[in-house]
Amino acid sequence: MFHSYAHQSLSFEQLAHYAKQYQDIDMWQLLGQDENNFPFLLGSDERDFCIVYWSKRQGIIKYHDDDPVRYYAFAAWLNNNAHPVFATLEEAEKYAADREWPRLD
Protein backbone atom coordinates (compact mmCIF):
# COMPACT_ATOMS: atom_id res chain seq x y z
CA MET A 1 0.00 0.00 0.00
CA PHE A 2 1.32 3.41 -0.96
CA HIS A 3 0.95 6.60 1.05
CA SER A 4 -0.77 9.36 -0.90
CA TYR A 5 0.49 12.94 -0.91
CA ALA A 6 -2.34 14.21 -3.13
CA HIS A 7 -2.81 17.97 -3.27
CA GLN A 8 0.23 18.68 -1.07
CA SER A 9 2.96 21.18 -1.81
CA LEU A 10 6.28 19.50 -1.13
CA SER A 11 9.90 20.52 -1.55
CA PHE A 12 12.09 18.73 -4.05
CA GLU A 13 13.87 17.00 -1.18
CA GLN A 14 10.57 15.75 0.22
CA LEU A 15 9.47 14.50 -3.21
CA ALA A 16 12.70 12.55 -3.66
CA HIS A 17 12.48 11.13 -0.14
CA TYR A 18 8.81 10.12 -0.25
CA ALA A 19 9.16 8.69 -3.78
CA LYS A 20 11.39 5.96 -2.35
CA GLN A 21 8.17 4.09 -1.54
CA TYR A 22 7.96 3.38 -5.29
CA GLN A 23 11.50 2.01 -5.56
CA ASP A 24 11.56 -1.27 -7.53
CA ILE A 25 7.94 -0.74 -8.67
CA ASP A 26 7.09 -0.92 -12.37
CA MET A 27 5.32 2.42 -12.65
CA TRP A 28 4.14 1.59 -16.18
CA GLN A 29 2.19 -1.38 -14.81
CA LEU A 30 1.10 0.40 -11.60
CA LEU A 31 -0.46 3.28 -13.55
CA GLY A 32 -1.97 1.06 -16.26
CA GLN A 33 -0.07 2.42 -19.24
CA ASP A 34 -0.17 1.04 -22.77
CA GLU A 35 1.22 1.79 -26.22
CA ASN A 36 -1.86 3.87 -27.13
CA ASN A 37 -0.72 6.50 -24.61
CA PHE A 38 3.07 6.35 -24.62
CA PRO A 39 4.64 8.55 -21.90
CA PHE A 40 7.77 10.65 -22.26
CA LEU A 41 9.38 13.60 -20.49
CA LEU A 42 9.77 17.26 -21.33
CA GLY A 43 12.27 19.31 -19.41
CA SER A 44 15.85 20.08 -18.67
CA ASP A 45 16.44 18.20 -15.41
CA GLU A 46 14.75 16.31 -12.58
CA ARG A 47 13.56 19.54 -10.94
CA ASP A 48 12.06 20.98 -14.13
CA PHE A 49 10.10 18.36 -16.03
CA CYS A 50 6.66 17.47 -17.29
CA ILE A 51 5.20 14.06 -18.14
CA VAL A 52 3.53 14.06 -21.54
CA TYR A 53 1.95 11.36 -23.72
CA TRP A 54 1.87 10.53 -27.35
CA SER A 55 -1.78 9.56 -27.55
CA LYS A 56 -2.73 7.30 -30.43
CA ARG A 57 -5.89 9.31 -30.99
CA GLN A 58 -5.08 12.81 -29.69
CA GLY A 59 -1.40 13.43 -30.40
CA ILE A 60 0.68 14.95 -27.62
CA ILE A 61 -1.21 15.49 -24.35
CA LYS A 62 -0.12 16.44 -20.83
CA TYR A 63 -0.30 13.88 -18.01
CA HIS A 64 -1.86 14.99 -14.71
CA ASP A 65 -1.63 13.39 -11.28
CA ASP A 66 -2.94 14.88 -8.03
CA ASP A 67 -0.16 13.16 -6.07
CA PRO A 68 3.15 15.02 -6.63
CA VAL A 69 5.16 12.15 -5.14
CA ARG A 70 3.66 9.56 -7.49
CA TYR A 71 4.15 12.01 -10.38
CA TYR A 72 7.82 12.47 -9.43
CA ALA A 73 8.28 8.69 -9.04
CA PHE A 74 6.70 8.08 -12.46
CA ALA A 75 8.97 10.67 -14.09
CA ALA A 76 12.03 9.12 -12.45
CA TRP A 77 10.92 5.67 -13.61
CA LEU A 78 10.45 6.93 -17.19
CA ASN A 79 13.87 8.56 -17.13
CA ASN A 80 15.52 5.39 -15.80
CA ASN A 81 13.74 3.07 -18.24
CA ALA A 82 14.81 4.57 -21.57
CA HIS A 83 11.71 6.62 -22.29
CA PRO A 84 12.38 9.65 -24.50
CA VAL A 85 13.32 12.95 -22.87
CA PHE A 86 13.03 16.20 -24.81
CA ALA A 87 14.06 19.69 -23.79
CA THR A 88 11.13 21.30 -25.60
CA LEU A 89 7.69 20.49 -26.95
CA GLU A 90 8.94 21.40 -30.43
CA GLU A 91 11.59 18.65 -30.23
CA ALA A 92 8.93 16.15 -29.18
CA GLU A 93 6.59 17.22 -31.99
CA LYS A 94 9.36 16.81 -34.58
CA TYR A 95 10.27 13.38 -33.19
CA ALA A 96 6.59 12.35 -33.36
CA ALA A 97 6.15 13.68 -36.91
CA ASP A 98 9.29 11.84 -38.08
CA ARG A 99 7.71 8.62 -36.80
CA GLU A 100 4.22 9.44 -38.10
CA TRP A 101 2.72 9.56 -34.63
CA PRO A 102 -0.11 9.45 -33.82
CA ARG A 103 -1.25 6.65 -36.04
CA LEU A 104 -5.00 6.54 -36.46
CA ASP A 105 -5.64 2.92 -37.43
PDB file of N, CA and C in Angstrom:
ATOM      1  N   MET A   1       0.839  -1.178   0.000  1.00  0.00           N
ATOM      2  CA  MET A   1       0.000   0.000   0.000  1.00  0.00           C
ATOM      3  C   MET A   1       0.887   1.245   0.000  1.00  0.00           C
ATOM      4  N   PHE A   2       0.543   2.192  -0.838  1.00  0.00           N
ATOM      5  CA  PHE A   2       1.320   3.414  -0.958  1.00  0.00           C
ATOM      6  C   PHE A   2       0.646   4.546  -0.187  1.00  0.00           C
ATOM      7  N   HIS A   3       1.460   5.405   0.379  1.00  0.00           N
ATOM      8  CA  HIS A   3       0.950   6.599   1.054  1.00  0.00           C
ATOM      9  C   HIS A   3       0.713   7.686   0.015  1.00  0.00           C
ATOM     10  N   SER A   4      -0.442   8.302   0.052  1.00  0.00           N
ATOM     11  CA  SER A   4      -0.771   9.360  -0.899  1.00  0.00           C
ATOM     12  C   SER A   4      -0.378  10.729  -0.347  1.00  0.00           C
ATOM     13  N   TYR A   5       0.151  11.558  -1.237  1.00  0.00           N
ATOM     14  CA  TYR A   5       0.487  12.941  -0.912  1.00  0.00           C
ATOM     15  C   TYR A   5      -0.305  13.893  -1.810  1.00  0.00           C
ATOM     16  N   ALA A   6      -1.498  13.444  -2.199  1.00  0.00           N
ATOM     17  CA  ALA A   6      -2.336  14.210  -3.128  1.00  0.00           C
ATOM     18  C   ALA A   6      -2.584  15.616  -2.595  1.00  0.00           C
ATOM     19  N   HIS A   7      -2.501  16.555  -3.524  1.00  0.00           N
ATOM     20  CA  HIS A   7      -2.808  17.971  -3.267  1.00  0.00           C
ATOM     21  C   HIS A   7      -1.912  18.614  -2.210  1.00  0.00           C
ATOM     22  N   GLN A   8      -0.708  18.086  -2.028  1.00  0.00           N
ATOM     23  CA  GLN A   8       0.225  18.678  -1.072  1.00  0.00           C
ATOM     24  C   GLN A   8       1.349  19.383  -1.818  1.00  0.00           C
ATOM     25  N   SER A   9       1.793  20.483  -1.270  1.00  0.00           N
ATOM     26  CA  SER A   9       2.958  21.185  -1.806  1.00  0.00           C
ATOM     27  C   SER A   9       4.177  20.695  -1.036  1.00  0.00           C
ATOM     28  N   LEU A  10       5.098  20.083  -1.752  1.00  0.00           N
ATOM     29  CA  LEU A  10       6.276  19.497  -1.127  1.00  0.00           C
ATOM     30  C   LEU A  10       7.543  20.043  -1.765  1.00  0.00           C
ATOM     31  N   SER A  11       8.605  20.097  -0.998  1.00  0.00           N
ATOM     32  CA  SER A  11       9.900  20.518  -1.548  1.00  0.00           C
ATOM     33  C   SER A  11      10.459  19.395  -2.421  1.00  0.00           C
ATOM     34  N   PHE A  12      11.441  19.736  -3.225  1.00  0.00           N
ATOM     35  CA  PHE A  12      12.095  18.732  -4.054  1.00  0.00           C
ATOM     36  C   PHE A  12      12.684  17.622  -3.188  1.00  0.00           C
ATOM     37  N   GLU A  13      13.275  17.984  -2.080  1.00  0.00           N
ATOM     38  CA  GLU A  13      13.871  16.999  -1.179  1.00  0.00           C
ATOM     39  C   GLU A  13      12.814  16.057  -0.622  1.00  0.00           C
ATOM     40  N   GLN A  14      11.652  16.589  -0.268  1.00  0.00           N
ATOM     41  CA  GLN A  14      10.565  15.749   0.218  1.00  0.00           C
ATOM     42  C   GLN A  14      10.066  14.811  -0.878  1.00  0.00           C
ATOM     43  N   LEU A  15       9.906  15.343  -2.095  1.00  0.00           N
ATOM     44  CA  LEU A  15       9.474  14.499  -3.213  1.00  0.00           C
ATOM     45  C   LEU A  15      10.416  13.315  -3.393  1.00  0.00           C
ATOM     46  N   ALA A  16      11.709  13.604  -3.452  1.00  0.00           N
ATOM     47  CA  ALA A  16      12.701  12.552  -3.660  1.00  0.00           C
ATOM     48  C   ALA A  16      12.672  11.539  -2.513  1.00  0.00           C
ATOM     49  N   HIS A  17      12.509  12.032  -1.300  1.00  0.00           N
ATOM     50  CA  HIS A  17      12.482  11.132  -0.138  1.00  0.00           C
ATOM     51  C   HIS A  17      11.223  10.258  -0.151  1.00  0.00           C
ATOM     52  N   TYR A  18      10.058  10.868  -0.301  1.00  0.00           N
ATOM     53  CA  TYR A  18       8.806  10.115  -0.252  1.00  0.00           C
ATOM     54  C   TYR A  18       8.645   9.192  -1.459  1.00  0.00           C
ATOM     55  N   ALA A  19       9.258   9.529  -2.573  1.00  0.00           N
ATOM     56  CA  ALA A  19       9.161   8.694  -3.779  1.00  0.00           C
ATOM     57  C   ALA A  19       9.874   7.359  -3.612  1.00  0.00           C
ATOM     58  N   LYS A  20      10.693   7.237  -2.594  1.00  0.00           N
ATOM     59  CA  LYS A  20      11.388   5.962  -2.355  1.00  0.00           C
ATOM     60  C   LYS A  20      10.411   4.820  -2.114  1.00  0.00           C
ATOM     61  N   GLN A  21       9.165   5.142  -1.730  1.00  0.00           N
ATOM     62  CA  GLN A  21       8.173   4.085  -1.541  1.00  0.00           C
ATOM     63  C   GLN A  21       7.863   3.358  -2.863  1.00  0.00           C
ATOM     64  N   TYR A  22       8.203   3.979  -3.990  1.00  0.00           N
ATOM     65  CA  TYR A  22       7.963   3.384  -5.294  1.00  0.00           C
ATOM     66  C   TYR A  22       9.203   2.692  -5.870  1.00  0.00           C
ATOM     67  N   GLN A  23      10.263   2.648  -5.105  1.00  0.00           N
ATOM     68  CA  GLN A  23      11.497   2.006  -5.564  1.00  0.00           C
ATOM     69  C   GLN A  23      11.198   0.543  -5.913  1.00  0.00           C
ATOM     70  N   ASP A  24      11.738   0.093  -7.029  1.00  0.00           N
ATOM     71  CA  ASP A  24      11.558  -1.275  -7.532  1.00  0.00           C
ATOM     72  C   ASP A  24      10.130  -1.583  -7.972  1.00  0.00           C
ATOM     73  N   ILE A  25       9.304  -0.560  -8.163  1.00  0.00           N
ATOM     74  CA  ILE A  25       7.939  -0.735  -8.666  1.00  0.00           C
ATOM     75  C   ILE A  25       7.923  -0.380 -10.148  1.00  0.00           C
ATOM     76  N   ASP A  26       7.268  -1.214 -10.950  1.00  0.00           N
ATOM     77  CA  ASP A  26       7.093  -0.924 -12.370  1.00  0.00           C
ATOM     78  C   ASP A  26       5.961   0.090 -12.491  1.00  0.00           C
ATOM     79  N   MET A  27       6.324   1.353 -12.620  1.00  0.00           N
ATOM     80  CA  MET A  27       5.324   2.425 -12.652  1.00  0.00           C
ATOM     81  C   MET A  27       4.420   2.313 -13.869  1.00  0.00           C
ATOM     82  N   TRP A  28       4.947   1.792 -14.965  1.00  0.00           N
ATOM     83  CA  TRP A  28       4.141   1.587 -16.182  1.00  0.00           C
ATOM     84  C   TRP A  28       2.956   0.685 -15.837  1.00  0.00           C
ATOM     85  N   GLN A  29       3.238  -0.426 -15.180  1.00  0.00           N
ATOM     86  CA  GLN A  29       2.192  -1.376 -14.807  1.00  0.00           C
ATOM     87  C   GLN A  29       1.292  -0.795 -13.708  1.00  0.00           C
ATOM     88  N   LEU A  30       1.872  -0.166 -12.706  1.00  0.00           N
ATOM     89  CA  LEU A  30       1.101   0.399 -11.604  1.00  0.00           C
ATOM     90  C   LEU A  30       0.059   1.397 -12.097  1.00  0.00           C
ATOM     91  N   LEU A  31       0.434   2.226 -13.063  1.00  0.00           N
ATOM     92  CA  LEU A  31      -0.462   3.278 -13.550  1.00  0.00           C
ATOM     93  C   LEU A  31      -1.267   2.856 -14.773  1.00  0.00           C
ATOM     94  N   GLY A  32      -1.151   1.586 -15.180  1.00  0.00           N
ATOM     95  CA  GLY A  32      -1.973   1.056 -16.261  1.00  0.00           C
ATOM     96  C   GLY A  32      -1.695   1.660 -17.620  1.00  0.00           C
ATOM     97  N   GLN A  33      -0.438   1.812 -17.969  1.00  0.00           N
ATOM     98  CA  GLN A  33      -0.068   2.420 -19.240  1.00  0.00           C
ATOM     99  C   GLN A  33      -0.145   1.397 -20.383  1.00  0.00           C
ATOM    100  N   ASP A  34      -0.240   1.898 -21.597  1.00  0.00           N
ATOM    101  CA  ASP A  34      -0.172   1.038 -22.774  1.00  0.00           C
ATOM    102  C   ASP A  34       0.386   1.834 -23.947  1.00  0.00           C
ATOM    103  N   GLU A  35       0.596   1.155 -25.064  1.00  0.00           N
ATOM    104  CA  GLU A  35       1.218   1.795 -26.223  1.00  0.00           C
ATOM    105  C   GLU A  35       0.333   2.854 -26.873  1.00  0.00           C
ATOM    106  N   ASN A  36      -0.960   2.866 -26.564  1.00  0.00           N
ATOM    107  CA  ASN A  36      -1.858   3.875 -27.132  1.00  0.00           C
ATOM    108  C   ASN A  36      -1.661   5.236 -26.482  1.00  0.00           C
ATOM    109  N   ASN A  37      -1.049   5.263 -25.317  1.00  0.00           N
ATOM    110  CA  ASN A  37      -0.719   6.499 -24.608  1.00  0.00           C
ATOM    111  C   ASN A  37       0.703   6.340 -24.089  1.00  0.00           C
ATOM    112  N   PHE A  38       1.673   6.609 -24.951  1.00  0.00           N
ATOM    113  CA  PHE A  38       3.073   6.350 -24.617  1.00  0.00           C
ATOM    114  C   PHE A  38       3.687   7.559 -23.913  1.00  0.00           C
ATOM    115  N   PRO A  39       4.114   7.411 -22.648  1.00  0.00           N
ATOM    116  CA  PRO A  39       4.640   8.545 -21.896  1.00  0.00           C
ATOM    117  C   PRO A  39       6.086   8.884 -22.230  1.00  0.00           C
ATOM    118  N   PHE A  40       6.396  10.167 -22.117  1.00  0.00           N
ATOM    119  CA  PHE A  40       7.766  10.647 -22.256  1.00  0.00           C
ATOM    120  C   PHE A  40       7.902  11.905 -21.411  1.00  0.00           C
ATOM    121  N   LEU A  41       9.112  12.440 -21.343  1.00  0.00           N
ATOM    122  CA  LEU A  41       9.384  13.597 -20.489  1.00  0.00           C
ATOM    123  C   LEU A  41       9.765  14.821 -21.296  1.00  0.00           C
ATOM    124  N   LEU A  42       9.322  15.969 -20.827  1.00  0.00           N
ATOM    125  CA  LEU A  42       9.770  17.261 -21.329  1.00  0.00           C
ATOM    126  C   LEU A  42      10.465  17.963 -20.175  1.00  0.00           C
ATOM    127  N   GLY A  43      11.605  18.537 -20.446  1.00  0.00           N
ATOM    128  CA  GLY A  43      12.272  19.309 -19.407  1.00  0.00           C
ATOM    129  C   GLY A  43      13.772  19.194 -19.470  1.00  0.00           C
ATOM    130  N   SER A  44      14.401  19.994 -18.631  1.00  0.00           N
ATOM    131  CA  SER A  44      15.847  20.080 -18.675  1.00  0.00           C
ATOM    132  C   SER A  44      16.534  19.263 -17.586  1.00  0.00           C
ATOM    133  N   ASP A  45      15.835  18.994 -16.472  1.00  0.00           N
ATOM    134  CA  ASP A  45      16.441  18.199 -15.406  1.00  0.00           C
ATOM    135  C   ASP A  45      15.348  17.686 -14.482  1.00  0.00           C
ATOM    136  N   GLU A  46      15.733  16.944 -13.443  1.00  0.00           N
ATOM    137  CA  GLU A  46      14.748  16.306 -12.575  1.00  0.00           C
ATOM    138  C   GLU A  46      13.934  17.276 -11.724  1.00  0.00           C
ATOM    139  N   ARG A  47      14.339  18.535 -11.670  1.00  0.00           N
ATOM    140  CA  ARG A  47      13.561  19.541 -10.936  1.00  0.00           C
ATOM    141  C   ARG A  47      12.621  20.315 -11.856  1.00  0.00           C
ATOM    142  N   ASP A  48      12.840  20.226 -13.151  1.00  0.00           N
ATOM    143  CA  ASP A  48      12.056  20.976 -14.125  1.00  0.00           C
ATOM    144  C   ASP A  48      11.649  20.030 -15.249  1.00  0.00           C
ATOM    145  N   PHE A  49      10.533  19.338 -15.052  1.00  0.00           N
ATOM    146  CA  PHE A  49      10.103  18.359 -16.033  1.00  0.00           C
ATOM    147  C   PHE A  49       8.584  18.305 -16.080  1.00  0.00           C
ATOM    148  N   CYS A  50       8.089  17.657 -17.105  1.00  0.00           N
ATOM    149  CA  CYS A  50       6.656  17.466 -17.294  1.00  0.00           C
ATOM    150  C   CYS A  50       6.465  16.111 -17.972  1.00  0.00           C
ATOM    151  N   ILE A  51       5.527  15.316 -17.484  1.00  0.00           N
ATOM    152  CA  ILE A  51       5.200  14.055 -18.144  1.00  0.00           C
ATOM    153  C   ILE A  51       4.156  14.347 -19.203  1.00  0.00           C
ATOM    154  N   VAL A  52       4.417  13.844 -20.400  1.00  0.00           N
ATOM    155  CA  VAL A  52       3.534  14.063 -21.540  1.00  0.00           C
ATOM    156  C   VAL A  52       3.342  12.720 -22.245  1.00  0.00           C
ATOM    157  N   TYR A  53       2.244  12.586 -22.977  1.00  0.00           N
ATOM    158  CA  TYR A  53       1.955  11.362 -23.721  1.00  0.00           C
ATOM    159  C   TYR A  53       1.887  11.631 -25.206  1.00  0.00           C
ATOM    160  N   TRP A  54       2.282  10.607 -25.958  1.00  0.00           N
ATOM    161  CA  TRP A  54       1.872  10.527 -27.347  1.00  0.00           C
ATOM    162  C   TRP A  54       0.620   9.677 -27.304  1.00  0.00           C
ATOM    163  N   SER A  55      -0.509  10.274 -27.531  1.00  0.00           N
ATOM    164  CA  SER A  55      -1.780   9.559 -27.550  1.00  0.00           C
ATOM    165  C   SER A  55      -2.062   9.102 -28.969  1.00  0.00           C
ATOM    166  N   LYS A  56      -2.435   7.851 -29.115  1.00  0.00           N
ATOM    167  CA  LYS A  56      -2.730   7.302 -30.431  1.00  0.00           C
ATOM    168  C   LYS A  56      -3.817   8.111 -31.133  1.00  0.00           C
ATOM    169  N   ARG A  57      -4.760   8.605 -30.389  1.00  0.00           N
ATOM    170  CA  ARG A  57      -5.890   9.313 -30.987  1.00  0.00           C
ATOM    171  C   ARG A  57      -5.784  10.841 -30.916  1.00  0.00           C
ATOM    172  N   GLN A  58      -5.054  11.371 -29.916  1.00  0.00           N
ATOM    173  CA  GLN A  58      -5.076  12.814 -29.695  1.00  0.00           C
ATOM    174  C   GLN A  58      -3.749  13.519 -29.910  1.00  0.00           C
ATOM    175  N   GLY A  59      -2.696  12.792 -30.251  1.00  0.00           N
ATOM    176  CA  GLY A  59      -1.400  13.426 -30.396  1.00  0.00           C
ATOM    177  C   GLY A  59      -0.740  13.606 -29.046  1.00  0.00           C
ATOM    178  N   ILE A  60      -0.045  14.714 -28.855  1.00  0.00           N
ATOM    179  CA  ILE A  60       0.679  14.953 -27.615  1.00  0.00           C
ATOM    180  C   ILE A  60      -0.252  15.613 -26.597  1.00  0.00           C
ATOM    181  N   ILE A  61      -0.367  14.973 -25.428  1.00  0.00           N
ATOM    182  CA  ILE A  61      -1.214  15.491 -24.353  1.00  0.00           C
ATOM    183  C   ILE A  61      -0.443  15.452 -23.031  1.00  0.00           C
ATOM    184  N   LYS A  62      -0.788  16.347 -22.128  1.00  0.00           N
ATOM    185  CA  LYS A  62      -0.122  16.445 -20.830  1.00  0.00           C
ATOM    186  C   LYS A  62      -0.731  15.441 -19.847  1.00  0.00           C
ATOM    187  N   TYR A  63       0.121  14.830 -19.046  1.00  0.00           N
ATOM    188  CA  TYR A  63      -0.305  13.884 -18.012  1.00  0.00           C
ATOM    189  C   TYR A  63      -0.495  14.638 -16.699  1.00  0.00           C
ATOM    190  N   HIS A  64      -1.573  14.352 -15.997  1.00  0.00           N
ATOM    191  CA  HIS A  64      -1.861  14.989 -14.708  1.00  0.00           C
ATOM    192  C   HIS A  64      -1.960  13.927 -13.625  1.00  0.00           C
ATOM    193  N   ASP A  65      -1.507  14.266 -12.448  1.00  0.00           N
ATOM    194  CA  ASP A  65      -1.631  13.394 -11.280  1.00  0.00           C
ATOM    195  C   ASP A  65      -1.754  14.297 -10.059  1.00  0.00           C
ATOM    196  N   ASP A  66      -2.739  14.063  -9.229  1.00  0.00           N
ATOM    197  CA  ASP A  66      -2.944  14.879  -8.030  1.00  0.00           C
ATOM    198  C   ASP A  66      -1.908  14.624  -6.951  1.00  0.00           C
ATOM    199  N   ASP A  67      -1.159  13.521  -7.074  1.00  0.00           N
ATOM    200  CA  ASP A  67      -0.157  13.159  -6.073  1.00  0.00           C
ATOM    201  C   ASP A  67       1.235  13.519  -6.613  1.00  0.00           C
ATOM    202  N   PRO A  68       1.849  14.591  -6.095  1.00  0.00           N
ATOM    203  CA  PRO A  68       3.147  15.019  -6.628  1.00  0.00           C
ATOM    204  C   PRO A  68       4.255  13.991  -6.401  1.00  0.00           C
ATOM    205  N   VAL A  69       4.146  13.173  -5.386  1.00  0.00           N
ATOM    206  CA  VAL A  69       5.164  12.145  -5.135  1.00  0.00           C
ATOM    207  C   VAL A  69       5.062  11.041  -6.181  1.00  0.00           C
ATOM    208  N   ARG A  70       3.855  10.586  -6.459  1.00  0.00           N
ATOM    209  CA  ARG A  70       3.660   9.562  -7.493  1.00  0.00           C
ATOM    210  C   ARG A  70       4.080  10.115  -8.861  1.00  0.00           C
ATOM    211  N   TYR A  71       3.760  11.377  -9.123  1.00  0.00           N
ATOM    212  CA  TYR A  71       4.153  12.015 -10.385  1.00  0.00           C
ATOM    213  C   TYR A  71       5.679  12.035 -10.502  1.00  0.00           C
ATOM    214  N   TYR A  72       6.358  12.442  -9.435  1.00  0.00           N
ATOM    215  CA  TYR A  72       7.824  12.473  -9.428  1.00  0.00           C
ATOM    216  C   TYR A  72       8.385  11.063  -9.628  1.00  0.00           C
ATOM    217  N   ALA A  73       7.806  10.076  -8.922  1.00  0.00           N
ATOM    218  CA  ALA A  73       8.282   8.692  -9.041  1.00  0.00           C
ATOM    219  C   ALA A  73       8.074   8.165 -10.460  1.00  0.00           C
ATOM    220  N   PHE A  74       6.962   8.508 -11.082  1.00  0.00           N
ATOM    221  CA  PHE A  74       6.699   8.080 -12.458  1.00  0.00           C
ATOM    222  C   PHE A  74       7.711   8.712 -13.407  1.00  0.00           C
ATOM    223  N   ALA A  75       7.978   9.992 -13.240  1.00  0.00           N
ATOM    224  CA  ALA A  75       8.968  10.669 -14.087  1.00  0.00           C
ATOM    225  C   ALA A  75      10.348  10.043 -13.919  1.00  0.00           C
ATOM    226  N   ALA A  76      10.732   9.753 -12.692  1.00  0.00           N
ATOM    227  CA  ALA A  76      12.034   9.120 -12.450  1.00  0.00           C
ATOM    228  C   ALA A  76      12.077   7.744 -13.094  1.00  0.00           C
ATOM    229  N   TRP A  77      10.986   7.002 -12.994  1.00  0.00           N
ATOM    230  CA  TRP A  77      10.924   5.675 -13.606  1.00  0.00           C
ATOM    231  C   TRP A  77      11.060   5.776 -15.132  1.00  0.00           C
ATOM    232  N   LEU A  78      10.344   6.732 -15.734  1.00  0.00           N
ATOM    233  CA  LEU A  78      10.447   6.927 -17.186  1.00  0.00           C
ATOM    234  C   LEU A  78      11.886   7.252 -17.579  1.00  0.00           C
ATOM    235  N   ASN A  79      12.506   8.144 -16.839  1.00  0.00           N
ATOM    236  CA  ASN A  79      13.870   8.562 -17.132  1.00  0.00           C
ATOM    237  C   ASN A  79      14.852   7.395 -16.998  1.00  0.00           C
ATOM    238  N   ASN A  80      14.613   6.520 -16.044  1.00  0.00           N
ATOM    239  CA  ASN A  80      15.519   5.394 -15.802  1.00  0.00           C
ATOM    240  C   ASN A  80      15.203   4.166 -16.642  1.00  0.00           C
ATOM    241  N   ASN A  81      14.138   4.222 -17.429  1.00  0.00           N
ATOM    242  CA  ASN A  81      13.744   3.071 -18.241  1.00  0.00           C
ATOM    243  C   ASN A  81      13.670   3.415 -19.725  1.00  0.00           C
ATOM    244  N   ALA A  82      14.583   4.274 -20.152  1.00  0.00           N
ATOM    245  CA  ALA A  82      14.814   4.568 -21.574  1.00  0.00           C
ATOM    246  C   ALA A  82      13.626   5.170 -22.308  1.00  0.00           C
ATOM    247  N   HIS A  83      12.764   5.886 -21.602  1.00  0.00           N
ATOM    248  CA  HIS A  83      11.712   6.622 -22.293  1.00  0.00           C
ATOM    249  C   HIS A  83      12.315   7.924 -22.814  1.00  0.00           C
ATOM    250  N   PRO A  84      11.802   8.419 -23.935  1.00  0.00           N
ATOM    251  CA  PRO A  84      12.376   9.647 -24.498  1.00  0.00           C
ATOM    252  C   PRO A  84      12.273  10.837 -23.559  1.00  0.00           C
ATOM    253  N   VAL A  85      13.285  11.688 -23.620  1.00  0.00           N
ATOM    254  CA  VAL A  85      13.316  12.946 -22.875  1.00  0.00           C
ATOM    255  C   VAL A  85      13.650  14.046 -23.868  1.00  0.00           C
ATOM    256  N   PHE A  86      12.828  15.084 -23.899  1.00  0.00           N
ATOM    257  CA  PHE A  86      13.027  16.202 -24.811  1.00  0.00           C
ATOM    258  C   PHE A  86      13.104  17.493 -24.013  1.00  0.00           C
ATOM    259  N   ALA A  87      13.929  18.397 -24.465  1.00  0.00           N
ATOM    260  CA  ALA A  87      14.060  19.691 -23.791  1.00  0.00           C
ATOM    261  C   ALA A  87      12.849  20.575 -24.048  1.00  0.00           C
ATOM    262  N   THR A  88      12.247  20.431 -25.242  1.00  0.00           N
ATOM    263  CA  THR A  88      11.128  21.299 -25.604  1.00  0.00           C
ATOM    264  C   THR A  88      10.012  20.503 -26.265  1.00  0.00           C
ATOM    265  N   LEU A  89       8.820  21.087 -26.260  1.00  0.00           N
ATOM    266  CA  LEU A  89       7.687  20.486 -26.946  1.00  0.00           C
ATOM    267  C   LEU A  89       7.952  20.412 -28.451  1.00  0.00           C
ATOM    268  N   GLU A  90       8.627  21.392 -29.000  1.00  0.00           N
ATOM    269  CA  GLU A  90       8.937  21.396 -30.428  1.00  0.00           C
ATOM    270  C   GLU A  90       9.788  20.179 -30.812  1.00  0.00           C
ATOM    271  N   GLU A  91      10.779  19.840 -29.974  1.00  0.00           N
ATOM    272  CA  GLU A  91      11.591  18.647 -30.233  1.00  0.00           C
ATOM    273  C   GLU A  91      10.727  17.393 -30.224  1.00  0.00           C
ATOM    274  N   ALA A  92       9.820  17.309 -29.277  1.00  0.00           N
ATOM    275  CA  ALA A  92       8.933  16.147 -29.179  1.00  0.00           C
ATOM    276  C   ALA A  92       8.008  16.062 -30.391  1.00  0.00           C
ATOM    277  N   GLU A  93       7.469  17.204 -30.820  1.00  0.00           N
ATOM    278  CA  GLU A  93       6.588  17.221 -31.989  1.00  0.00           C
ATOM    279  C   GLU A  93       7.325  16.787 -33.250  1.00  0.00           C
ATOM    280  N   LYS A  94       8.566  17.223 -33.419  1.00  0.00           N
ATOM    281  CA  LYS A  94       9.359  16.812 -34.576  1.00  0.00           C
ATOM    282  C   LYS A  94       9.639  15.315 -34.527  1.00  0.00           C
ATOM    283  N   TYR A  95      10.016  14.810 -33.371  1.00  0.00           N
ATOM    284  CA  TYR A  95      10.268  13.379 -33.189  1.00  0.00           C
ATOM    285  C   TYR A  95       9.015  12.570 -33.546  1.00  0.00           C
ATOM    286  N   ALA A  96       7.852  13.034 -33.074  1.00  0.00           N
ATOM    287  CA  ALA A  96       6.589  12.349 -33.356  1.00  0.00           C
ATOM    288  C   ALA A  96       6.267  12.398 -34.850  1.00  0.00           C
ATOM    289  N   ALA A  97       6.440  13.548 -35.479  1.00  0.00           N
ATOM    290  CA  ALA A  97       6.154  13.677 -36.909  1.00  0.00           C
ATOM    291  C   ALA A  97       7.074  12.783 -37.738  1.00  0.00           C
ATOM    292  N   ASP A  98       8.342  12.701 -37.360  1.00  0.00           N
ATOM    293  CA  ASP A  98       9.289  11.837 -38.084  1.00  0.00           C
ATOM    294  C   ASP A  98       8.889  10.369 -38.010  1.00  0.00           C
ATOM    295  N   ARG A  99       8.145  10.007 -36.980  1.00  0.00           N
ATOM    296  CA  ARG A  99       7.713   8.616 -36.795  1.00  0.00           C
ATOM    297  C   ARG A  99       6.231   8.424 -37.107  1.00  0.00           C
ATOM    298  N   GLU A 100       5.628   9.463 -37.714  1.00  0.00           N
ATOM    299  CA  GLU A 100       4.224   9.443 -38.104  1.00  0.00           C
ATOM    300  C   GLU A 100       3.311   9.099 -36.926  1.00  0.00           C
ATOM    301  N   TRP A 101       3.547   9.764 -35.807  1.00  0.00           N
ATOM    302  CA  TRP A 101       2.723   9.556 -34.630  1.00  0.00           C
ATOM    303  C   TRP A 101       1.852  10.767 -34.412  1.00  0.00           C
ATOM    304  N   PRO A 102       0.612  10.696 -34.103  1.00  0.00           N
ATOM    305  CA  PRO A 102      -0.109   9.454 -33.818  1.00  0.00           C
ATOM    306  C   PRO A 102      -0.556   8.734 -35.084  1.00  0.00           C
ATOM    307  N   ARG A 103      -0.748   7.468 -34.933  1.00  0.00           N
ATOM    308  CA  ARG A 103      -1.250   6.651 -36.044  1.00  0.00           C
ATOM    309  C   ARG A 103      -2.711   6.349 -35.770  1.00  0.00           C
ATOM    310  N   LEU A 104      -3.558   6.801 -36.623  1.00  0.00           N
ATOM    311  CA  LEU A 104      -4.996   6.539 -36.465  1.00  0.00           C
ATOM    312  C   LEU A 104      -5.346   5.339 -37.326  1.00  0.00           C
ATOM    313  N   ASP A 105      -5.379   4.169 -36.700  1.00  0.00           N
ATOM    314  CA  ASP A 105      -5.643   2.917 -37.431  1.00  0.00           C
ATOM    315  C   ASP A 105      -7.054   2.846 -37.947  1.00  0.00           C
TER     316      ASP A 105
END
